[in-house]
PDB file of N, CA and C in Angstrom:
ATOM      1  N   MET A   1     111.411 302.277 318.143  1.00  0.00           N
ATOM      2  CA  MET A   1     110.005 302.599 318.009  1.00  0.00           C
ATOM      3  C   MET A   1     109.369 302.680 319.397  1.00  0.00           C
ATOM      4  N   ARG A   2     108.572 303.689 319.617  1.00  0.00           N
ATOM      5  CA  ARG A   2     107.887 303.854 320.899  1.00  0.00           C
ATOM      6  C   ARG A   2     106.769 302.832 321.055  1.00  0.00           C
ATOM      7  N   LYS A   3     106.577 302.396 322.291  1.00  0.00           N
ATOM      8  CA  LYS A   3     105.458 301.512 322.588  1.00  0.00           C
ATOM      9  C   LYS A   3     104.192 302.352 322.717  1.00  0.00           C
ATOM     10  N   LYS A   4     103.127 301.912 322.121  1.00  0.00           N
ATOM     11  CA  LYS A   4     101.855 302.625 322.202  1.00  0.00           C
ATOM     12  C   LYS A   4     101.176 302.304 323.524  1.00  0.00           C
ATOM     13  N   ILE A   5     100.518 303.315 324.087  1.00  0.00           N
ATOM     14  CA  ILE A   5      99.821 303.176 325.365  1.00  0.00           C
ATOM     15  C   ILE A   5      98.410 303.731 325.215  1.00  0.00           C
ATOM     16  N   VAL A   6      97.438 302.984 325.685  1.00  0.00           N
ATOM     17  CA  VAL A   6      96.061 303.455 325.785  1.00  0.00           C
ATOM     18  C   VAL A   6      95.727 303.461 327.268  1.00  0.00           C
ATOM     19  N   ALA A   7      95.430 304.641 327.814  1.00  0.00           N
ATOM     20  CA  ALA A   7      95.128 304.762 329.240  1.00  0.00           C
ATOM     21  C   ALA A   7      93.822 305.517 329.406  1.00  0.00           C
ATOM     22  N   GLY A   8      93.021 305.065 330.347  1.00  0.00           N
ATOM     23  CA  GLY A   8      91.755 305.742 330.597  1.00  0.00           C
ATOM     24  C   GLY A   8      91.436 305.786 332.074  1.00  0.00           C
ATOM     25  N   ASN A   9      90.968 306.948 332.514  1.00  0.00           N
ATOM     26  CA  ASN A   9      90.498 307.042 333.889  1.00  0.00           C
ATOM     27  C   ASN A   9      89.044 307.473 333.875  1.00  0.00           C
ATOM     28  N   TRP A  10      88.363 307.162 334.955  1.00  0.00           N
ATOM     29  CA  TRP A  10      86.962 307.550 334.999  1.00  0.00           C
ATOM     30  C   TRP A  10      86.730 308.677 335.982  1.00  0.00           C
ATOM     31  N   LYS A  11      87.815 309.321 336.389  1.00  0.00           N
ATOM     32  CA  LYS A  11      87.759 310.459 337.312  1.00  0.00           C
ATOM     33  C   LYS A  11      86.769 310.147 338.428  1.00  0.00           C
ATOM     34  N   MET A  12      85.797 310.988 338.652  1.00  0.00           N
ATOM     35  CA  MET A  12      84.805 310.758 339.708  1.00  0.00           C
ATOM     36  C   MET A  12      83.442 310.412 339.096  1.00  0.00           C
ATOM     37  N   ASN A  13      83.439 309.788 337.918  1.00  0.00           N
ATOM     38  CA  ASN A  13      82.201 309.495 337.210  1.00  0.00           C
ATOM     39  C   ASN A  13      81.682 308.079 337.403  1.00  0.00           C
ATOM     40  N   LYS A  14      82.323 307.284 338.208  1.00  0.00           N
ATOM     41  CA  LYS A  14      81.867 305.922 338.505  1.00  0.00           C
ATOM     42  C   LYS A  14      81.926 305.704 340.013  1.00  0.00           C
ATOM     43  N   ASN A  15      80.874 305.088 340.547  1.00  0.00           N
ATOM     44  CA  ASN A  15      80.984 304.685 341.951  1.00  0.00           C
ATOM     45  C   ASN A  15      81.792 303.390 342.005  1.00  0.00           C
ATOM     46  N   PHE A  16      81.986 302.856 343.189  1.00  0.00           N
ATOM     47  CA  PHE A  16      82.846 301.687 343.359  1.00  0.00           C
ATOM     48  C   PHE A  16      82.363 300.501 342.521  1.00  0.00           C
ATOM     49  N   GLN A  17      81.088 300.161 342.611  1.00  0.00           N
ATOM     50  CA  GLN A  17      80.553 299.013 341.869  1.00  0.00           C
ATOM     51  C   GLN A  17      80.612 299.245 340.360  1.00  0.00           C
ATOM     52  N   GLU A  18      80.293 300.443 339.910  1.00  0.00           N
ATOM     53  CA  GLU A  18      80.367 300.750 338.475  1.00  0.00           C
ATOM     54  C   GLU A  18      81.804 300.637 337.966  1.00  0.00           C
ATOM     55  N   GLY A  19      82.762 301.049 338.779  1.00  0.00           N
ATOM     56  CA  GLY A  19      84.169 300.935 338.403  1.00  0.00           C
ATOM     57  C   GLY A  19      84.604 299.488 338.278  1.00  0.00           C
ATOM     58  N   ILE A  20      84.147 298.652 339.196  1.00  0.00           N
ATOM     59  CA  ILE A  20      84.456 297.219 339.121  1.00  0.00           C
ATOM     60  C   ILE A  20      83.863 296.621 337.841  1.00  0.00           C
ATOM     61  N   GLU A  21      82.612 296.956 337.559  1.00  0.00           N
ATOM     62  CA  GLU A  21      81.959 296.441 336.351  1.00  0.00           C
ATOM     63  C   GLU A  21      82.695 296.893 335.091  1.00  0.00           C
ATOM     64  N   LEU A  22      83.128 298.150 335.063  1.00  0.00           N
ATOM     65  CA  LEU A  22      83.876 298.669 333.914  1.00  0.00           C
ATOM     66  C   LEU A  22      85.193 297.918 333.742  1.00  0.00           C
ATOM     67  N   ALA A  23      85.928 297.760 334.826  1.00  0.00           N
ATOM     68  CA  ALA A  23      87.222 297.077 334.760  1.00  0.00           C
ATOM     69  C   ALA A  23      87.064 295.636 334.285  1.00  0.00           C
ATOM     70  N   LEU A  24      86.058 294.938 334.800  1.00  0.00           N
ATOM     71  CA  LEU A  24      85.844 293.552 334.388  1.00  0.00           C
ATOM     72  C   LEU A  24      85.393 293.457 332.932  1.00  0.00           C
ATOM     73  N   ALA A  25      84.591 294.422 332.479  1.00  0.00           N
ATOM     74  CA  ALA A  25      84.163 294.434 331.081  1.00  0.00           C
ATOM     75  C   ALA A  25      85.356 294.666 330.151  1.00  0.00           C
ATOM     76  N   ILE A  26      86.237 295.576 330.533  1.00  0.00           N
ATOM     77  CA  ILE A  26      87.435 295.828 329.718  1.00  0.00           C
ATOM     78  C   ILE A  26      88.322 294.591 329.712  1.00  0.00           C
ATOM     79  N   GLN A  27      88.495 293.968 330.875  1.00  0.00           N
ATOM     80  CA  GLN A  27      89.301 292.758 330.930  1.00  0.00           C
ATOM     81  C   GLN A  27      88.718 291.683 330.014  1.00  0.00           C
ATOM     82  N   HIS A  28      87.414 291.527 330.016  1.00  0.00           N
ATOM     83  CA  HIS A  28      86.758 290.543 329.155  1.00  0.00           C
ATOM     84  C   HIS A  28      87.031 290.853 327.678  1.00  0.00           C
ATOM     85  N   GLN A  29      86.970 292.127 327.307  1.00  0.00           N
ATOM     86  CA  GLN A  29      87.243 292.531 325.929  1.00  0.00           C
ATOM     87  C   GLN A  29      88.690 292.252 325.536  1.00  0.00           C
ATOM     88  N   MET A  30      89.573 292.219 326.515  1.00  0.00           N
ATOM     89  CA  MET A  30      90.998 292.005 326.255  1.00  0.00           C
ATOM     90  C   MET A  30      91.313 290.549 325.901  1.00  0.00           C
ATOM     91  N   ASN A  31      90.360 289.638 326.061  1.00  0.00           N
ATOM     92  CA  ASN A  31      90.621 288.232 325.773  1.00  0.00           C
ATOM     93  C   ASN A  31      91.064 287.998 324.332  1.00  0.00           C
ATOM     94  N   ASP A  32      90.579 288.813 323.409  1.00  0.00           N
ATOM     95  CA  ASP A  32      90.959 288.686 321.997  1.00  0.00           C
ATOM     96  C   ASP A  32      92.058 289.660 321.597  1.00  0.00           C
ATOM     97  N   TYR A  33      92.609 290.368 322.571  1.00  0.00           N
ATOM     98  CA  TYR A  33      93.593 291.408 322.308  1.00  0.00           C
ATOM     99  C   TYR A  33      94.932 290.808 321.893  1.00  0.00           C
ATOM    100  N   LYS A  34      95.547 291.376 320.859  1.00  0.00           N
ATOM    101  CA  LYS A  34      96.798 290.849 320.313  1.00  0.00           C
ATOM    102  C   LYS A  34      98.048 291.493 320.913  1.00  0.00           C
ATOM    103  N   GLY A  35      97.885 292.517 321.769  1.00  0.00           N
ATOM    104  CA  GLY A  35      99.020 293.102 322.459  1.00  0.00           C
ATOM    105  C   GLY A  35      99.785 294.153 321.681  1.00  0.00           C
ATOM    106  N   GLU A  36      99.111 294.920 320.836  1.00  0.00           N
ATOM    107  CA  GLU A  36      99.790 295.955 320.061  1.00  0.00           C
ATOM    108  C   GLU A  36     100.221 297.151 320.918  1.00  0.00           C
ATOM    109  N   CYS A  37      99.607 297.323 322.080  1.00  0.00           N
ATOM    110  CA  CYS A  37      99.970 298.423 322.969  1.00  0.00           C
ATOM    111  C   CYS A  37      99.615 298.046 324.405  1.00  0.00           C
ATOM    112  N   GLU A  38     100.131 298.828 325.339  1.00  0.00           N
ATOM    113  CA  GLU A  38      99.781 298.635 326.742  1.00  0.00           C
ATOM    114  C   GLU A  38      98.448 299.324 327.016  1.00  0.00           C
ATOM    115  N   VAL A  39      97.595 298.680 327.779  1.00  0.00           N
ATOM    116  CA  VAL A  39      96.305 299.243 328.170  1.00  0.00           C
ATOM    117  C   VAL A  39      96.346 299.456 329.676  1.00  0.00           C
ATOM    118  N   ILE A  40      96.032 300.684 330.094  1.00  0.00           N
ATOM    119  CA  ILE A  40      96.114 301.046 331.510  1.00  0.00           C
ATOM    120  C   ILE A  40      94.765 301.576 331.987  1.00  0.00           C
ATOM    121  N   LEU A  41      94.246 300.988 333.055  1.00  0.00           N
ATOM    122  CA  LEU A  41      93.045 301.487 333.718  1.00  0.00           C
ATOM    123  C   LEU A  41      93.484 302.353 334.886  1.00  0.00           C
ATOM    124  N   ILE A  42      92.798 303.482 335.079  1.00  0.00           N
ATOM    125  CA  ILE A  42      93.204 304.405 336.135  1.00  0.00           C
ATOM    126  C   ILE A  42      91.981 304.755 336.996  1.00  0.00           C
ATOM    127  N   PRO A  43      91.700 303.915 337.994  1.00  0.00           N
ATOM    128  CA  PRO A  43      90.582 304.203 338.904  1.00  0.00           C
ATOM    129  C   PRO A  43      90.998 305.235 339.955  1.00  0.00           C
ATOM    130  N   PRO A  44      90.019 305.794 340.683  1.00  0.00           N
ATOM    131  CA  PRO A  44      90.371 306.647 341.809  1.00  0.00           C
ATOM    132  C   PRO A  44      91.248 305.864 342.802  1.00  0.00           C
ATOM    133  N   ALA A  45      92.110 306.557 343.489  1.00  0.00           N
ATOM    134  CA  ALA A  45      93.096 305.927 344.372  1.00  0.00           C
ATOM    135  C   ALA A  45      92.470 304.980 345.390  1.00  0.00           C
ATOM    136  N   VAL A  46      91.318 305.322 345.917  1.00  0.00           N
ATOM    137  CA  VAL A  46      90.700 304.484 346.942  1.00  0.00           C
ATOM    138  C   VAL A  46      90.160 303.168 346.382  1.00  0.00           C
ATOM    139  N   HIS A  47      90.089 303.025 345.057  1.00  0.00           N
ATOM    140  CA  HIS A  47      89.579 301.801 344.435  1.00  0.00           C
ATOM    141  C   HIS A  47      90.693 300.933 343.836  1.00  0.00           C
ATOM    142  N   ILE A  48      91.916 301.420 343.845  1.00  0.00           N
ATOM    143  CA  ILE A  48      93.011 300.716 343.172  1.00  0.00           C
ATOM    144  C   ILE A  48      93.195 299.293 343.687  1.00  0.00           C
ATOM    145  N   SER A  49      93.236 299.105 344.988  1.00  0.00           N
ATOM    146  CA  SER A  49      93.559 297.776 345.509  1.00  0.00           C
ATOM    147  C   SER A  49      92.519 296.738 345.098  1.00  0.00           C
ATOM    148  N   LYS A  50      91.243 297.069 345.131  1.00  0.00           N
ATOM    149  CA  LYS A  50      90.210 296.101 344.755  1.00  0.00           C
ATOM    150  C   LYS A  50      90.245 295.834 343.249  1.00  0.00           C
ATOM    151  N   ILE A  51      90.399 296.868 342.455  1.00  0.00           N
ATOM    152  CA  ILE A  51      90.476 296.680 340.999  1.00  0.00           C
ATOM    153  C   ILE A  51      91.692 295.817 340.672  1.00  0.00           C
ATOM    154  N   ARG A  52      92.801 296.081 341.336  1.00  0.00           N
ATOM    155  CA  ARG A  52      94.023 295.296 341.107  1.00  0.00           C
ATOM    156  C   ARG A  52      93.795 293.816 341.439  1.00  0.00           C
ATOM    157  N   GLU A  53      93.045 293.531 342.498  1.00  0.00           N
ATOM    158  CA  GLU A  53      92.731 292.143 342.861  1.00  0.00           C
ATOM    159  C   GLU A  53      91.925 291.440 341.774  1.00  0.00           C
ATOM    160  N   LEU A  54      91.045 292.174 341.110  1.00  0.00           N
ATOM    161  CA  LEU A  54      90.132 291.583 340.129  1.00  0.00           C
ATOM    162  C   LEU A  54      90.748 291.404 338.747  1.00  0.00           C
ATOM    163  N   ILE A  55      91.717 292.237 338.416  1.00  0.00           N
ATOM    164  CA  ILE A  55      92.288 292.218 337.075  1.00  0.00           C
ATOM    165  C   ILE A  55      93.379 291.166 336.987  1.00  0.00           C
ATOM    166  N   ASP A  56      93.236 290.281 336.022  1.00  0.00           N
ATOM    167  CA  ASP A  56      94.227 289.228 335.806  1.00  0.00           C
ATOM    168  C   ASP A  56      94.429 289.068 334.302  1.00  0.00           C
ATOM    169  N   HIS A  57      95.179 289.974 333.731  1.00  0.00           N
ATOM    170  CA  HIS A  57      95.450 289.929 332.294  1.00  0.00           C
ATOM    171  C   HIS A  57      96.838 290.506 332.075  1.00  0.00           C
ATOM    172  N   LYS A  58      97.671 289.813 331.324  1.00  0.00           N
ATOM    173  CA  LYS A  58      99.068 290.229 331.170  1.00  0.00           C
ATOM    174  C   LYS A  58      99.245 291.543 330.424  1.00  0.00           C
ATOM    175  N   ASN A  59      98.253 291.991 329.648  1.00  0.00           N
ATOM    176  CA  ASN A  59      98.368 293.238 328.894  1.00  0.00           C
ATOM    177  C   ASN A  59      97.499 294.357 329.464  1.00  0.00           C
ATOM    178  N   LEU A  60      97.003 294.196 330.673  1.00  0.00           N
ATOM    179  CA  LEU A  60      96.149 295.206 331.290  1.00  0.00           C
ATOM    180  C   LEU A  60      96.794 295.645 332.599  1.00  0.00           C
ATOM    181  N   PHE A  61      97.074 296.940 332.708  1.00  0.00           N
ATOM    182  CA  PHE A  61      97.788 297.487 333.854  1.00  0.00           C
ATOM    183  C   PHE A  61      96.900 298.474 334.609  1.00  0.00           C
ATOM    184  N   ILE A  62      97.277 298.769 335.849  1.00  0.00           N
ATOM    185  CA  ILE A  62      96.519 299.678 336.709  1.00  0.00           C
ATOM    186  C   ILE A  62      97.379 300.885 337.051  1.00  0.00           C
ATOM    187  N   GLY A  63      96.797 302.074 336.938  1.00  0.00           N
ATOM    188  CA  GLY A  63      97.435 303.312 337.347  1.00  0.00           C
ATOM    189  C   GLY A  63      96.617 303.908 338.480  1.00  0.00           C
ATOM    190  N   GLY A  64      96.915 305.135 338.881  1.00  0.00           N
ATOM    191  CA  GLY A  64      96.185 305.755 339.976  1.00  0.00           C
ATOM    192  C   GLY A  64      95.928 307.223 339.740  1.00  0.00           C
ATOM    193  N   GLN A  65      94.890 307.736 340.378  1.00  0.00           N
ATOM    194  CA  GLN A  65      94.559 309.148 340.341  1.00  0.00           C
ATOM    195  C   GLN A  65      94.036 309.559 341.701  1.00  0.00           C
ATOM    196  N   ASN A  66      94.035 310.826 341.959  1.00  0.00           N
ATOM    197  CA  ASN A  66      93.492 311.346 343.210  1.00  0.00           C
ATOM    198  C   ASN A  66      91.974 311.272 343.210  1.00  0.00           C
ATOM    199  N   CYS A  67      91.366 311.589 344.342  1.00  0.00           N
ATOM    200  CA  CYS A  67      89.914 311.698 344.466  1.00  0.00           C
ATOM    201  C   CYS A  67      89.551 313.149 344.748  1.00  0.00           C
ATOM    202  N   SER A  68      88.292 313.472 344.625  1.00  0.00           N
ATOM    203  CA  SER A  68      87.822 314.830 344.838  1.00  0.00           C
ATOM    204  C   SER A  68      86.689 314.855 345.850  1.00  0.00           C
ATOM    205  N   GLU A  69      86.429 316.018 346.390  1.00  0.00           N
ATOM    206  CA  GLU A  69      85.303 316.169 347.304  1.00  0.00           C
ATOM    207  C   GLU A  69      83.973 316.232 346.560  1.00  0.00           C
ATOM    208  N   HIS A  70      83.999 316.377 345.223  1.00  0.00           N
ATOM    209  CA  HIS A  70      82.773 316.411 344.426  1.00  0.00           C
ATOM    210  C   HIS A  70      82.193 315.005 344.278  1.00  0.00           C
ATOM    211  N   ASP A  71      80.872 314.908 344.170  1.00  0.00           N
ATOM    212  CA  ASP A  71      80.215 313.611 344.036  1.00  0.00           C
ATOM    213  C   ASP A  71      80.491 312.947 342.690  1.00  0.00           C
ATOM    214  N   SER A  72      80.566 313.727 341.622  1.00  0.00           N
ATOM    215  CA  SER A  72      80.848 313.173 340.300  1.00  0.00           C
ATOM    216  C   SER A  72      81.363 314.287 339.405  1.00  0.00           C
ATOM    217  N   GLY A  73      81.894 313.903 338.260  1.00  0.00           N
ATOM    218  CA  GLY A  73      82.397 314.881 337.305  1.00  0.00           C
ATOM    219  C   GLY A  73      83.844 314.657 336.985  1.00  0.00           C
ATOM    220  N   ALA A  74      84.407 315.550 336.171  1.00  0.00           N
ATOM    221  CA  ALA A  74      85.792 315.440 335.710  1.00  0.00           C
ATOM    222  C   ALA A  74      86.740 316.075 336.726  1.00  0.00           C
ATOM    223  N   TYR A  75      86.686 315.565 337.949  1.00  0.00           N
ATOM    224  CA  TYR A  75      87.526 316.070 339.032  1.00  0.00           C
ATOM    225  C   TYR A  75      88.443 314.956 339.521  1.00  0.00           C
ATOM    226  N   THR A  76      89.611 315.323 339.939  1.00  0.00           N
ATOM    227  CA  THR A  76      90.443 314.359 340.651  1.00  0.00           C
ATOM    228  C   THR A  76      90.836 314.904 342.019  1.00  0.00           C
ATOM    229  N   GLY A  77      91.141 316.190 342.122  1.00  0.00           N
ATOM    230  CA  GLY A  77      91.380 316.809 343.437  1.00  0.00           C
ATOM    231  C   GLY A  77      92.476 316.142 344.239  1.00  0.00           C
ATOM    232  N   GLU A  78      92.291 316.109 345.522  1.00  0.00           N
ATOM    233  CA  GLU A  78      93.259 315.506 346.438  1.00  0.00           C
ATOM    234  C   GLU A  78      92.570 314.512 347.345  1.00  0.00           C
ATOM    235  N   ILE A  79      93.307 313.506 347.760  1.00  0.00           N
ATOM    236  CA  ILE A  79      92.750 312.494 348.660  1.00  0.00           C
ATOM    237  C   ILE A  79      92.679 313.086 350.053  1.00  0.00           C
TER     238      ILE A  79
END
């Protein structure tokens, strides 16, 4: 049986502080999580290290995406 995965990125729609708040809110929601699937947060590449420092949950993982020259929107572009 395949393991289920839930992954979400915020592309360029969150600034650094908003991304931290989102990650911490998701981590808080995971306190009651039973572990039916892997949950992956995917911040912009330049935010990965700080988000990784803040996240401390055995069922919450961090992925990565590129950044874009656009201020916001569904862009990832190149770093």
